[in-house]
Amino acid sequence: MNDVSILEQARQKLPAELAERLQSLTAGKERWVAVLDVAALGGAERDAAMGDVRAAILSLAGAPGDVQIIATSERTAPASMHKPVMIAVGSGKGGVGKSTLTANLAVALAKSGVSVGVVDADIYGPSQPMLFGTTGEKPEARDEKLVPIASEHGVSLLSMGHLVAQGKALAWRGPMAGKALAQLIDAHWDADVVLVDLPPGTGDVQISMLQHFRPDGAIIVSTPQDLALIDAVRAGQLFDQGDIPIIGLVENMASYVCPNCGEVSDPFGSGGIEAAAERLDLPFLGRIPLSIAIRKDSDAGSPPALGDTPDGRAFAAIAQKLAAWLDKRG
């Protein structure tokens, strides 16, 4: 039994209007995950719809006892309100360079003439203020919504790092983190494209985004070693369950060139992400080297994509593929 057949079976057990709202149904070994469009439904209607869908799925042959319903709604806005294309940048594990990739993709797109913004959705460990040299700046509010901070690199951004004292630890549970994410995304964005730097893993912030601020596409970044790749695949599965197009995979910290002798080594392995992309039938967007210069420039708030260096060109090449995806999307 494949995902398409069980989706159709579930829809046949529902009223026509509710069947149209059931977007996808993915069968896992121990859990089935359904994506339900709840746009324009009130609280009671939403709960009833989710209950009816869960009951329909549980009645299918072979259904496990664990059925998760992801309630999502397309972002709607008046015609006069600007609606940017939202791209999520995710990973299954921390420390793989996701935030650095997000910042440099944004800078590279801005250099090519695209109007870009960045949401630092890593609520507990925000790093975009340092990467863009905006540490200590505070956003203004207009009409009860935040106005993104304009960086000197042509990219506007919002981060929890702009709203709380530097270095302060946040001990927030899921609902509070979700509200913080909403505050950052539902802001006065003038950008045509907004990149969302997600926290690592597949927790509350990611699920909250799928439910309330459906991204238009996702990029997954990982280092080459098997341990990181396993977690990256999990992140990809979450986007699949939310019916979010995966734009492609990026391999970070792919190789290291000794600055003294020029010897190339691969501390984390090489080619693992490209091989995974081929196996999963997903686009491979490129690889970023393990570079001291990237670390130094990032710490200084000067993303390497600003310059015409080997590191900068590596980021620019991936940004070109993202731009091509955006153009194709229309």
C-alpha atoms as a PDB file:
ATOM      1  CA  MET A   1       0.000   0.000   0.000  1.00  0.00           C
ATOM      2  CA  ASN A   2       1.500   3.365  -1.034  1.00  0.00           C
ATOM      3  CA  ASP A   3       0.879   6.868   0.264  1.00  0.00           C
ATOM      4  CA  VAL A   4      -1.321   7.814  -2.711  1.00  0.00           C
ATOM      5  CA  SER A   5      -3.667   4.859  -2.258  1.00  0.00           C
ATOM      6  CA  ILE A   6      -4.145   5.371   1.475  1.00  0.00           C
ATOM      7  CA  LEU A   7      -4.752   9.086   0.889  1.00  0.00           C
ATOM      8  CA  GLU A   8      -7.538   8.271  -1.575  1.00  0.00           C
ATOM      9  CA  GLN A   9      -8.996   5.675   0.777  1.00  0.00           C
ATOM     10  CA  ALA A  10      -9.068   8.208   3.616  1.00  0.00           C
ATOM     11  CA  ARG A  11     -10.674  10.844   1.394  1.00  0.00           C
ATOM     12  CA  GLN A  12     -13.420   8.394   0.386  1.00  0.00           C
ATOM     13  CA  LYS A  13     -14.432   8.113   4.051  1.00  0.00           C
ATOM     14  CA  LEU A  14     -14.846  11.893   4.416  1.00  0.00           C
ATOM     15  CA  PRO A  15     -17.401  14.438   3.222  1.00  0.00           C
ATOM     16  CA  ALA A  16     -16.356  16.019  -0.082  1.00  0.00           C
ATOM     17  CA  GLU A  17     -15.438  19.400   1.414  1.00  0.00           C
ATOM     18  CA  LEU A  18     -13.309  17.835   4.143  1.00  0.00           C
ATOM     19  CA  ALA A  19     -11.762  15.365   1.694  1.00  0.00           C
ATOM     20  CA  GLU A  20     -10.473  18.297  -0.362  1.00  0.00           C
ATOM     21  CA  ARG A  21      -8.785  19.700   2.731  1.00  0.00           C
ATOM     22  CA  LEU A  22      -6.803  16.497   3.356  1.00  0.00           C
ATOM     23  CA  GLN A  23      -3.582  17.411   1.550  1.00  0.00           C
ATOM     24  CA  SER A  24      -1.396  14.346   2.152  1.00  0.00           C
ATOM     25  CA  LEU A  25      -1.094  11.164   4.186  1.00  0.00           C
ATOM     26  CA  THR A  26       2.285   9.547   4.811  1.00  0.00           C
ATOM     27  CA  ALA A  27       2.557   6.034   6.211  1.00  0.00           C
ATOM     28  CA  GLY A  28       5.470   5.404   8.537  1.00  0.00           C
ATOM     29  CA  LYS A  29       6.313   2.184  10.303  1.00  0.00           C
ATOM     30  CA  GLU A  30       4.852   3.271  13.635  1.00  0.00           C
ATOM     31  CA  ARG A  31       3.050   6.531  12.831  1.00  0.00           C
ATOM     32  CA  TRP A  32       0.962   7.917   9.980  1.00  0.00           C
ATOM     33  CA  VAL A  33       1.109  11.679   9.399  1.00  0.00           C
ATOM     34  CA  ALA A  34      -1.642  13.639   7.672  1.00  0.00           C
ATOM     35  CA  VAL A  35      -1.567  17.262   6.530  1.00  0.00           C
ATOM     36  CA  LEU A  36      -4.934  19.005   6.810  1.00  0.00           C
ATOM     37  CA  ASP A  37      -5.712  22.461   5.419  1.00  0.00           C
ATOM     38  CA  VAL A  38      -7.712  24.294   8.110  1.00  0.00           C
ATOM     39  CA  ALA A  39      -7.787  27.718   6.444  1.00  0.00           C
ATOM     40  CA  ALA A  40     -10.839  29.819   7.414  1.00  0.00           C
ATOM     41  CA  LEU A  41     -12.000  27.298  10.030  1.00  0.00           C
ATOM     42  CA  GLY A  42     -12.839  28.495  13.522  1.00  0.00           C
ATOM     43  CA  GLY A  43     -11.479  26.770  16.605  1.00  0.00           C
ATOM     44  CA  ALA A  44     -14.397  24.372  17.084  1.00  0.00           C
ATOM     45  CA  GLU A  45     -14.633  23.610  13.352  1.00  0.00           C
ATOM     46  CA  ARG A  46     -10.898  23.003  13.228  1.00  0.00           C
ATOM     47  CA  ASP A  47     -10.997  20.562  16.143  1.00  0.00           C
ATOM     48  CA  ALA A  48     -13.970  18.727  14.652  1.00  0.00           C
ATOM     49  CA  ALA A  49     -12.299  18.452  11.251  1.00  0.00           C
ATOM     50  CA  MET A  50      -9.110  17.073  12.792  1.00  0.00           C
ATOM     51  CA  GLY A  51     -11.126  14.558  14.803  1.00  0.00           C
ATOM     52  CA  ASP A  52     -13.083  13.386  11.758  1.00  0.00           C
ATOM     53  CA  VAL A  53      -9.898  12.985   9.705  1.00  0.00           C
ATOM     54  CA  ARG A  54      -8.155  11.072  12.473  1.00  0.00           C
ATOM     55  CA  ALA A  55     -11.143   8.738  12.818  1.00  0.00           C
ATOM     56  CA  ALA A  56     -11.248   8.129   9.071  1.00  0.00           C
ATOM     57  CA  ILE A  57      -7.556   7.271   8.974  1.00  0.00           C
ATOM     58  CA  LEU A  58      -7.741   4.984  11.989  1.00  0.00           C
ATOM     59  CA  SER A  59     -10.510   3.037  10.254  1.00  0.00           C
ATOM     60  CA  LEU A  60      -8.227   2.105   7.350  1.00  0.00           C
ATOM     61  CA  ALA A  61      -6.775  -1.377   7.189  1.00  0.00           C
ATOM     62  CA  GLY A  62      -3.207  -1.435   8.488  1.00  0.00           C
ATOM     63  CA  ALA A  63      -3.402   1.938  10.218  1.00  0.00           C
ATOM     64  CA  PRO A  64      -1.312   2.169  13.401  1.00  0.00           C
ATOM     65  CA  GLY A  65      -2.693   3.528  16.632  1.00  0.00           C
ATOM     66  CA  ASP A  66      -0.530   6.644  16.302  1.00  0.00           C
ATOM     67  CA  VAL A  67      -1.908   9.145  13.773  1.00  0.00           C
ATOM     68  CA  GLN A  68      -0.562  12.700  13.764  1.00  0.00           C
ATOM     69  CA  ILE A  69      -2.537  15.497  12.124  1.00  0.00           C
ATOM     70  CA  ILE A  70      -0.561  18.547  11.027  1.00  0.00           C
ATOM     71  CA  ALA A  71      -3.033  21.413  10.690  1.00  0.00           C
ATOM     72  CA  THR A  72      -1.842  23.977   8.201  1.00  0.00           C
ATOM     73  CA  SER A  73      -3.306  26.942   6.365  1.00  0.00           C
ATOM     74  CA  GLU A  74      -2.072  28.793   3.342  1.00  0.00           C
ATOM     75  CA  ARG A  75      -0.853  32.269   4.237  1.00  0.00           C
ATOM     76  CA  THR A  76      -3.445  34.693   2.953  1.00  0.00           C
ATOM     77  CA  ALA A  77      -3.169  38.416   2.693  1.00  0.00           C
ATOM     78  CA  PRO A  78      -5.076  41.301   1.162  1.00  0.00           C
ATOM     79  CA  ALA A  79      -3.986  42.163  -2.366  1.00  0.00           C
ATOM     80  CA  SER A  80      -2.422  45.348  -1.044  1.00  0.00           C
ATOM     81  CA  MET A  81      -0.215  43.439   1.403  1.00  0.00           C
ATOM     82  CA  HIS A  82       3.158  42.185   0.164  1.00  0.00           C
ATOM     83  CA  LYS A  83       3.654  38.434   0.483  1.00  0.00           C
ATOM     84  CA  PRO A  84       7.246  37.249   0.071  1.00  0.00           C
ATOM     85  CA  VAL A  85       8.321  33.797  -1.017  1.00  0.00           C
ATOM     86  CA  MET A  86       9.386  31.960   2.134  1.00  0.00           C
ATOM     87  CA  ILE A  87      12.262  29.473   2.007  1.00  0.00           C
ATOM     88  CA  ALA A  88      13.079  27.359   5.068  1.00  0.00           C
ATOM     89  CA  VAL A  89      16.699  26.351   5.641  1.00  0.00           C
ATOM     90  CA  GLY A  90      16.852  23.338   7.930  1.00  0.00           C
ATOM     91  CA  SER A  91      18.990  20.524   9.240  1.00  0.00           C
ATOM     92  CA  GLY A  92      18.502  17.616  11.563  1.00  0.00           C
ATOM     93  CA  LYS A  93      21.549  18.372  13.693  1.00  0.00           C
ATOM     94  CA  GLY A  94      23.139  21.474  15.177  1.00  0.00           C
ATOM     95  CA  GLY A  95      26.608  22.670  14.252  1.00  0.00           C
ATOM     96  CA  VAL A  96      26.440  21.860  10.542  1.00  0.00           C
ATOM     97  CA  GLY A  97      26.639  25.485   9.376  1.00  0.00           C
ATOM     98  CA  LYS A  98      22.966  26.109   8.633  1.00  0.00           C
ATOM     99  CA  SER A  99      22.972  29.704   9.886  1.00  0.00           C
ATOM    100  CA  THR A 100      26.151  30.548   7.965  1.00  0.00           C
ATOM    101  CA  LEU A 101      24.660  29.080   4.796  1.00  0.00           C
ATOM    102  CA  THR A 102      21.431  31.062   5.283  1.00  0.00           C
ATOM    103  CA  ALA A 103      23.268  34.348   5.746  1.00  0.00           C
ATOM    104  CA  ASN A 104      25.514  33.826   2.736  1.00  0.00           C
ATOM    105  CA  LEU A 105      22.703  32.700   0.447  1.00  0.00           C
ATOM    106  CA  ALA A 106      20.830  35.858   1.410  1.00  0.00           C
ATOM    107  CA  VAL A 107      23.851  38.051   0.666  1.00  0.00           C
ATOM    108  CA  ALA A 108      24.537  36.299  -2.644  1.00  0.00           C
ATOM    109  CA  LEU A 109      20.905  36.712  -3.721  1.00  0.00           C
ATOM    110  CA  ALA A 110      20.968  40.380  -2.712  1.00  0.00           C
ATOM    111  CA  LYS A 111      24.114  40.908  -4.803  1.00  0.00           C
ATOM    112  CA  SER A 112      22.260  39.497  -7.807  1.00  0.00           C
ATOM    113  CA  GLY A 113      19.450  42.017  -7.376  1.00  0.00           C
ATOM    114  CA  VAL A 114      16.940  40.005  -5.351  1.00  0.00           C
ATOM    115  CA  SER A 115      15.220  41.744  -2.422  1.00  0.00           C
ATOM    116  CA  VAL A 116      15.955  39.404   0.508  1.00  0.00           C
ATOM    117  CA  GLY A 117      15.111  39.117   4.178  1.00  0.00           C
ATOM    118  CA  VAL A 118      16.204  36.641   6.857  1.00  0.00           C
ATOM    119  CA  VAL A 119      14.200  35.330   9.810  1.00  0.00           C
ATOM    120  CA  ASP A 120      16.399  33.871  12.537  1.00  0.00           C
ATOM    121  CA  ALA A 121      13.966  31.228  13.802  1.00  0.00           C
ATOM    122  CA  ASP A 122      16.570  29.578  16.011  1.00  0.00           C
ATOM    123  CA  ILE A 123      14.802  30.951  19.069  1.00  0.00           C
ATOM    124  CA  TYR A 124      17.167  29.436  21.633  1.00  0.00           C
ATOM    125  CA  GLY A 125      20.449  30.063  19.812  1.00  0.00           C
ATOM    126  CA  PRO A 126      20.132  33.074  17.493  1.00  0.00           C
ATOM    127  CA  SER A 127      23.284  33.831  15.500  1.00  0.00           C
ATOM    128  CA  GLN A 128      22.162  35.977  12.558  1.00  0.00           C
ATOM    129  CA  PRO A 129      22.801  39.295  14.399  1.00  0.00           C
ATOM    130  CA  MET A 130      26.490  38.381  14.662  1.00  0.00           C
ATOM    131  CA  LEU A 131      26.663  37.114  11.077  1.00  0.00           C
ATOM    132  CA  PHE A 132      25.195  40.387   9.764  1.00  0.00           C
ATOM    133  CA  GLY A 133      26.928  42.709  12.212  1.00  0.00           C
ATOM    134  CA  THR A 134      23.659  43.911  13.779  1.00  0.00           C
ATOM    135  CA  THR A 135      24.269  42.757  17.362  1.00  0.00           C
ATOM    136  CA  GLY A 136      22.733  45.200  19.840  1.00  0.00           C
ATOM    137  CA  GLU A 137      20.296  46.746  17.369  1.00  0.00           C
ATOM    138  CA  LYS A 138      16.592  46.759  18.217  1.00  0.00           C
ATOM    139  CA  PRO A 139      13.748  46.634  15.685  1.00  0.00           C
ATOM    140  CA  GLU A 140      10.988  49.219  15.690  1.00  0.00           C
ATOM    141  CA  ALA A 141       7.303  48.328  15.699  1.00  0.00           C
ATOM    142  CA  ARG A 142       4.553  49.700  13.468  1.00  0.00           C
ATOM    143  CA  ASP A 143       0.885  48.764  13.730  1.00  0.00           C
ATOM    144  CA  GLU A 144       1.807  46.181  16.396  1.00  0.00           C
ATOM    145  CA  LYS A 145       4.200  44.416  14.010  1.00  0.00           C
ATOM    146  CA  LEU A 146       7.983  44.454  13.916  1.00  0.00           C
ATOM    147  CA  VAL A 147       9.894  46.313  11.230  1.00  0.00           C
ATOM    148  CA  PRO A 148      12.930  44.267  10.084  1.00  0.00           C
ATOM    149  CA  ILE A 149      16.400  45.681  10.689  1.00  0.00           C
ATOM    150  CA  ALA A 150      18.297  46.711   7.563  1.00  0.00           C
ATOM    151  CA  SER A 151      21.848  45.385   7.511  1.00  0.00           C
ATOM    152  CA  GLU A 152      24.673  47.078   5.642  1.00  0.00           C
ATOM    153  CA  HIS A 153      24.871  44.040   3.337  1.00  0.00           C
ATOM    154  CA  GLY A 154      21.532  44.697   1.624  1.00  0.00           C
ATOM    155  CA  VAL A 155      19.593  42.121   3.631  1.00  0.00           C
ATOM    156  CA  SER A 156      16.863  42.888   6.182  1.00  0.00           C
ATOM    157  CA  LEU A 157      16.490  40.587   9.166  1.00  0.00           C
ATOM    158  CA  LEU A 158      14.731  39.810  12.429  1.00  0.00           C
ATOM    159  CA  SER A 159      16.011  37.608  15.236  1.00  0.00           C
ATOM    160  CA  MET A 160      15.316  36.862  18.875  1.00  0.00           C
ATOM    161  CA  GLY A 161      18.856  38.128  19.294  1.00  0.00           C
ATOM    162  CA  HIS A 162      17.459  41.576  18.509  1.00  0.00           C
ATOM    163  CA  LEU A 163      14.719  41.289  21.139  1.00  0.00           C
ATOM    164  CA  VAL A 164      16.463  39.864  24.217  1.00  0.00           C
ATOM    165  CA  ALA A 165      19.649  40.793  26.028  1.00  0.00           C
ATOM    166  CA  GLN A 166      22.782  39.422  24.390  1.00  0.00           C
ATOM    167  CA  GLY A 167      23.805  36.096  25.906  1.00  0.00           C
ATOM    168  CA  LYS A 168      20.549  35.638  27.826  1.00  0.00           C
ATOM    169  CA  ALA A 169      19.360  32.033  27.963  1.00  0.00           C
ATOM    170  CA  LEU A 170      15.726  31.425  27.024  1.00  0.00           C
ATOM    171  CA  ALA A 171      13.901  28.628  28.874  1.00  0.00           C
ATOM    172  CA  TRP A 172      10.689  28.667  26.867  1.00  0.00           C
ATOM    173  CA  ARG A 173       8.306  25.811  26.220  1.00  0.00           C
ATOM    174  CA  GLY A 174       6.832  25.095  22.797  1.00  0.00           C
ATOM    175  CA  PRO A 175       3.864  27.533  22.825  1.00  0.00           C
ATOM    176  CA  MET A 176       6.048  30.499  23.751  1.00  0.00           C
ATOM    177  CA  ALA A 177       8.596  29.581  21.087  1.00  0.00           C
ATOM    178  CA  GLY A 178       5.754  29.368  18.564  1.00  0.00           C
ATOM    179  CA  LYS A 179       4.527  32.844  19.502  1.00  0.00           C
ATOM    180  CA  ALA A 180       8.060  34.204  19.153  1.00  0.00           C
ATOM    181  CA  LEU A 181       8.337  32.686  15.673  1.00  0.00           C
ATOM    182  CA  ALA A 182       5.015  34.273  14.683  1.00  0.00           C
ATOM    183  CA  GLN A 183       6.271  37.667  15.833  1.00  0.00           C
ATOM    184  CA  LEU A 184       9.330  37.375  13.599  1.00  0.00           C
ATOM    185  CA  ILE A 185       7.554  36.071  10.495  1.00  0.00           C
ATOM    186  CA  ASP A 186       4.361  38.127  10.674  1.00  0.00           C
ATOM    187  CA  ALA A 187       6.270  41.387  10.339  1.00  0.00           C
ATOM    188  CA  HIS A 188       6.518  44.268   7.861  1.00  0.00           C
ATOM    189  CA  TRP A 189       8.555  42.428   5.226  1.00  0.00           C
ATOM    190  CA  ASP A 190       9.212  44.367   2.025  1.00  0.00           C
ATOM    191  CA  ALA A 191      11.510  41.640   0.676  1.00  0.00           C
ATOM    192  CA  ASP A 192      10.545  39.445  -2.262  1.00  0.00           C
ATOM    193  CA  VAL A 193      12.217  36.397  -0.687  1.00  0.00           C
ATOM    194  CA  VAL A 194      12.561  35.582   3.018  1.00  0.00           C
ATOM    195  CA  LEU A 195      14.969  32.851   4.138  1.00  0.00           C
ATOM    196  CA  VAL A 196      14.046  31.252   7.465  1.00  0.00           C
ATOM    197  CA  ASP A 197      16.985  29.921   9.490  1.00  0.00           C
ATOM    198  CA  LEU A 198      15.329  27.095  11.428  1.00  0.00           C
ATOM    199  CA  PRO A 199      16.690  25.582  14.641  1.00  0.00           C
ATOM    200  CA  PRO A 200      18.136  22.081  14.314  1.00  0.00           C
ATOM    201  CA  GLY A 201      15.881  19.065  14.633  1.00  0.00           C
ATOM    202  CA  THR A 202      12.168  18.523  14.059  1.00  0.00           C
ATOM    203  CA  GLY A 203      10.597  20.053  17.172  1.00  0.00           C
ATOM    204  CA  ASP A 204       8.010  22.620  18.194  1.00  0.00           C
ATOM    205  CA  VAL A 205       9.319  25.535  16.126  1.00  0.00           C
ATOM    206  CA  GLN A 206       9.362  23.518  12.899  1.00  0.00           C
ATOM    207  CA  ILE A 207       5.882  22.105  13.493  1.00  0.00           C
ATOM    208  CA  SER A 208       4.553  25.552  14.403  1.00  0.00           C
ATOM    209  CA  MET A 209       5.914  26.917  11.134  1.00  0.00           C
ATOM    210  CA  LEU A 210       4.279  24.157   9.091  1.00  0.00           C
ATOM    211  CA  GLN A 211       0.969  24.782  10.837  1.00  0.00           C
ATOM    212  CA  HIS A 212       0.827  28.563  10.650  1.00  0.00           C
ATOM    213  CA  PHE A 213       3.433  29.884   8.171  1.00  0.00           C
ATOM    214  CA  ARG A 214       3.697  27.362   5.390  1.00  0.00           C
ATOM    215  CA  PRO A 215       7.042  27.829   3.572  1.00  0.00           C
ATOM    216  CA  ASP A 216       7.125  27.695  -0.217  1.00  0.00           C
ATOM    217  CA  GLY A 217      10.221  25.497  -0.291  1.00  0.00           C
ATOM    218  CA  ALA A 218      13.020  24.106   1.853  1.00  0.00           C
ATOM    219  CA  ILE A 219      16.784  23.651   1.663  1.00  0.00           C
ATOM    220  CA  ILE A 220      18.483  21.013   3.808  1.00  0.00           C
ATOM    221  CA  VAL A 221      22.104  21.368   4.859  1.00  0.00           C
ATOM    222  CA  SER A 222      24.349  18.734   6.427  1.00  0.00           C
ATOM    223  CA  THR A 223      27.965  17.801   6.851  1.00  0.00           C
ATOM    224  CA  PRO A 224      29.099  14.708   4.927  1.00  0.00           C
ATOM    225  CA  GLN A 225      29.405  12.168   7.729  1.00  0.00           C
ATOM    226  CA  ASP A 226      26.757   9.479   8.178  1.00  0.00           C
ATOM    227  CA  LEU A 227      25.684  10.627  11.657  1.00  0.00           C
ATOM    228  CA  ALA A 228      24.704  14.101  10.464  1.00  0.00           C
ATOM    229  CA  LEU A 229      23.153  12.713   7.294  1.00  0.00           C
ATOM    230  CA  ILE A 230      20.783  10.469   9.255  1.00  0.00           C
ATOM    231  CA  ASP A 231      19.394  13.535  11.047  1.00  0.00           C
ATOM    232  CA  ALA A 232      19.215  15.528   7.816  1.00  0.00           C
ATOM    233  CA  VAL A 233      17.028  12.812   6.300  1.00  0.00           C
ATOM    234  CA  ARG A 234      14.677  13.170   9.288  1.00  0.00           C
ATOM    235  CA  ALA A 235      14.410  16.892   8.600  1.00  0.00           C
ATOM    236  CA  GLY A 236      13.567  16.100   4.994  1.00  0.00           C
ATOM    237  CA  GLN A 237      10.837  13.711   6.084  1.00  0.00           C
ATOM    238  CA  LEU A 238       9.193  16.473   8.136  1.00  0.00           C
ATOM    239  CA  PHE A 239       9.024  18.722   5.066  1.00  0.00           C
ATOM    240  CA  ASP A 240       7.680  15.816   3.010  1.00  0.00           C
ATOM    241  CA  GLN A 241       4.954  15.247   5.573  1.00  0.00           C
ATOM    242  CA  GLY A 242       4.040  18.911   5.357  1.00  0.00           C
ATOM    243  CA  ASP A 243       4.002  18.681   1.549  1.00  0.00           C
ATOM    244  CA  ILE A 244       6.755  21.315   1.332  1.00  0.00           C
ATOM    245  CA  PRO A 245       8.890  21.131  -1.838  1.00  0.00           C
ATOM    246  CA  ILE A 246      12.545  20.367  -1.079  1.00  0.00           C
ATOM    247  CA  ILE A 247      14.628  22.639  -3.288  1.00  0.00           C
ATOM    248  CA  GLY A 248      17.773  20.623  -2.678  1.00  0.00           C
ATOM    249  CA  LEU A 249      20.564  19.482  -0.374  1.00  0.00           C
ATOM    250  CA  VAL A 250      23.806  21.275   0.482  1.00  0.00           C
ATOM    251  CA  GLU A 251      26.984  19.618   1.737  1.00  0.00           C
ATOM    252  CA  ASN A 252      28.854  21.855   4.189  1.00  0.00           C
ATOM    253  CA  MET A 253      32.389  21.506   5.600  1.00  0.00           C
ATOM    254  CA  ALA A 254      33.091  19.254   2.628  1.00  0.00           C
ATOM    255  CA  SER A 255      36.876  19.580   2.435  1.00  0.00           C
ATOM    256  CA  TYR A 256      39.773  21.433   4.033  1.00  0.00           C
ATOM    257  CA  VAL A 257      42.732  22.957   2.206  1.00  0.00           C
ATOM    258  CA  CYS A 258      45.812  23.380   4.385  1.00  0.00           C
ATOM    259  CA  PRO A 259      46.864  27.047   4.191  1.00  0.00           C
ATOM    260  CA  ASN A 260      50.533  26.057   4.542  1.00  0.00           C
ATOM    261  CA  CYS A 261      51.046  23.134   2.152  1.00  0.00           C
ATOM    262  CA  GLY A 262      47.839  23.189   0.088  1.00  0.00           C
ATOM    263  CA  GLU A 263      46.999  19.562   0.841  1.00  0.00           C
ATOM    264  CA  VAL A 264      43.289  18.768   0.639  1.00  0.00           C
ATOM    265  CA  SER A 265      41.772  16.579   3.359  1.00  0.00           C
ATOM    266  CA  ASP A 266      38.230  15.570   4.274  1.00  0.00           C
ATOM    267  CA  PRO A 267      37.844  15.539   8.091  1.00  0.00           C
ATOM    268  CA  PHE A 268      34.107  14.806   7.853  1.00  0.00           C
ATOM    269  CA  GLY A 269      34.226  12.690   4.718  1.00  0.00           C
ATOM    270  CA  SER A 270      33.185  13.763   1.242  1.00  0.00           C
ATOM    271  CA  GLY A 271      30.329  13.158  -1.147  1.00  0.00           C
ATOM    272  CA  GLY A 272      27.852  11.774   1.382  1.00  0.00           C
ATOM    273  CA  ILE A 273      25.214  14.441   0.772  1.00  0.00           C
ATOM    274  CA  GLU A 274      25.490  14.278  -3.005  1.00  0.00           C
ATOM    275  CA  ALA A 275      25.069  10.500  -2.848  1.00  0.00           C
ATOM    276  CA  ALA A 276      22.061  10.899  -0.555  1.00  0.00           C
ATOM    277  CA  ALA A 277      20.493  13.440  -2.900  1.00  0.00           C
ATOM    278  CA  GLU A 278      20.832  11.003  -5.791  1.00  0.00           C
ATOM    279  CA  ARG A 279      19.401   8.174  -3.714  1.00  0.00           C
ATOM    280  CA  LEU A 280      16.440  10.297  -2.594  1.00  0.00           C
ATOM    281  CA  ASP A 281      15.938  11.755  -6.091  1.00  0.00           C
ATOM    282  CA  LEU A 282      16.498  15.292  -4.819  1.00  0.00           C
ATOM    283  CA  PRO A 283      18.608  18.075  -6.365  1.00  0.00           C
ATOM    284  CA  PHE A 284      22.154  18.496  -5.052  1.00  0.00           C
ATOM    285  CA  LEU A 285      22.817  22.224  -4.810  1.00  0.00           C
ATOM    286  CA  GLY A 286      26.537  22.142  -4.072  1.00  0.00           C
ATOM    287  CA  ARG A 287      29.174  21.957  -1.370  1.00  0.00           C
ATOM    288  CA  ILE A 288      30.879  24.485   0.881  1.00  0.00           C
ATOM    289  CA  PRO A 289      34.460  23.868   2.072  1.00  0.00           C
ATOM    290  CA  LEU A 290      35.681  23.758   5.660  1.00  0.00           C
ATOM    291  CA  SER A 291      37.486  27.073   5.711  1.00  0.00           C
ATOM    292  CA  ILE A 292      39.170  29.215   8.331  1.00  0.00           C
ATOM    293  CA  ALA A 293      38.298  32.289   6.279  1.00  0.00           C
ATOM    294  CA  ILE A 294      34.570  31.481   6.467  1.00  0.00           C
ATOM    295  CA  ARG A 295      34.820  31.238  10.245  1.00  0.00           C
ATOM    296  CA  LYS A 296      36.768  34.501  10.596  1.00  0.00           C
ATOM    297  CA  ASP A 297      34.554  36.480   8.229  1.00  0.00           C
ATOM    298  CA  SER A 298      31.398  35.157   9.866  1.00  0.00           C
ATOM    299  CA  ASP A 299      32.597  36.083  13.344  1.00  0.00           C
ATOM    300  CA  ALA A 300      33.375  39.579  12.041  1.00  0.00           C
ATOM    301  CA  GLY A 301      29.872  40.076  10.612  1.00  0.00           C
ATOM    302  CA  SER A 302      31.153  40.054   7.033  1.00  0.00           C
ATOM    303  CA  PRO A 303      29.648  37.064   5.158  1.00  0.00           C
ATOM    304  CA  PRO A 304      32.132  35.561   2.646  1.00  0.00           C
ATOM    305  CA  ALA A 305      29.513  35.792  -0.120  1.00  0.00           C
ATOM    306  CA  LEU A 306      30.237  39.527  -0.189  1.00  0.00           C
ATOM    307  CA  GLY A 307      33.599  38.878  -1.862  1.00  0.00           C
ATOM    308  CA  ASP A 308      34.871  37.246  -5.048  1.00  0.00           C
ATOM    309  CA  THR A 309      36.879  34.541  -3.292  1.00  0.00           C
ATOM    310  CA  PRO A 310      36.716  30.736  -3.663  1.00  0.00           C
ATOM    311  CA  ASP A 311      34.506  30.628  -0.548  1.00  0.00           C
ATOM    312  CA  GLY A 312      32.299  33.444  -1.811  1.00  0.00           C
ATOM    313  CA  ARG A 313      31.929  31.809  -5.220  1.00  0.00           C
ATOM    314  CA  ALA A 314      30.881  28.526  -3.582  1.00  0.00           C
ATOM    315  CA  PHE A 315      27.987  30.278  -1.852  1.00  0.00           C
ATOM    316  CA  ALA A 316      27.146  32.230  -5.028  1.00  0.00           C
ATOM    317  CA  ALA A 317      26.904  29.027  -7.070  1.00  0.00           C
ATOM    318  CA  ILE A 318      24.321  27.595  -4.672  1.00  0.00           C
ATOM    319  CA  ALA A 319      22.442  30.910  -4.621  1.00  0.00           C
ATOM    320  CA  GLN A 320      22.257  30.795  -8.435  1.00  0.00           C
ATOM    321  CA  LYS A 321      20.517  27.425  -8.250  1.00  0.00           C
ATOM    322  CA  LEU A 322      18.084  28.809  -5.676  1.00  0.00           C
ATOM    323  CA  ALA A 323      17.446  31.811  -7.951  1.00  0.00           C
ATOM    324  CA  ALA A 324      16.767  29.430 -10.849  1.00  0.00           C
ATOM    325  CA  TRP A 325      14.229  27.568  -8.693  1.00  0.00           C
ATOM    326  CA  LEU A 326      12.558  30.870  -7.814  1.00  0.00           C
ATOM    327  CA  ASP A 327      12.417  31.904 -11.474  1.00  0.00           C
ATOM    328  CA  LYS A 328      10.960  28.565 -12.493  1.00  0.00           C
ATOM    329  CA  ARG A 329       8.380  28.832  -9.735  1.00  0.00           C
ATOM    330  CA  GLY A 330       7.317  32.199 -11.149  1.00  0.00           C
END
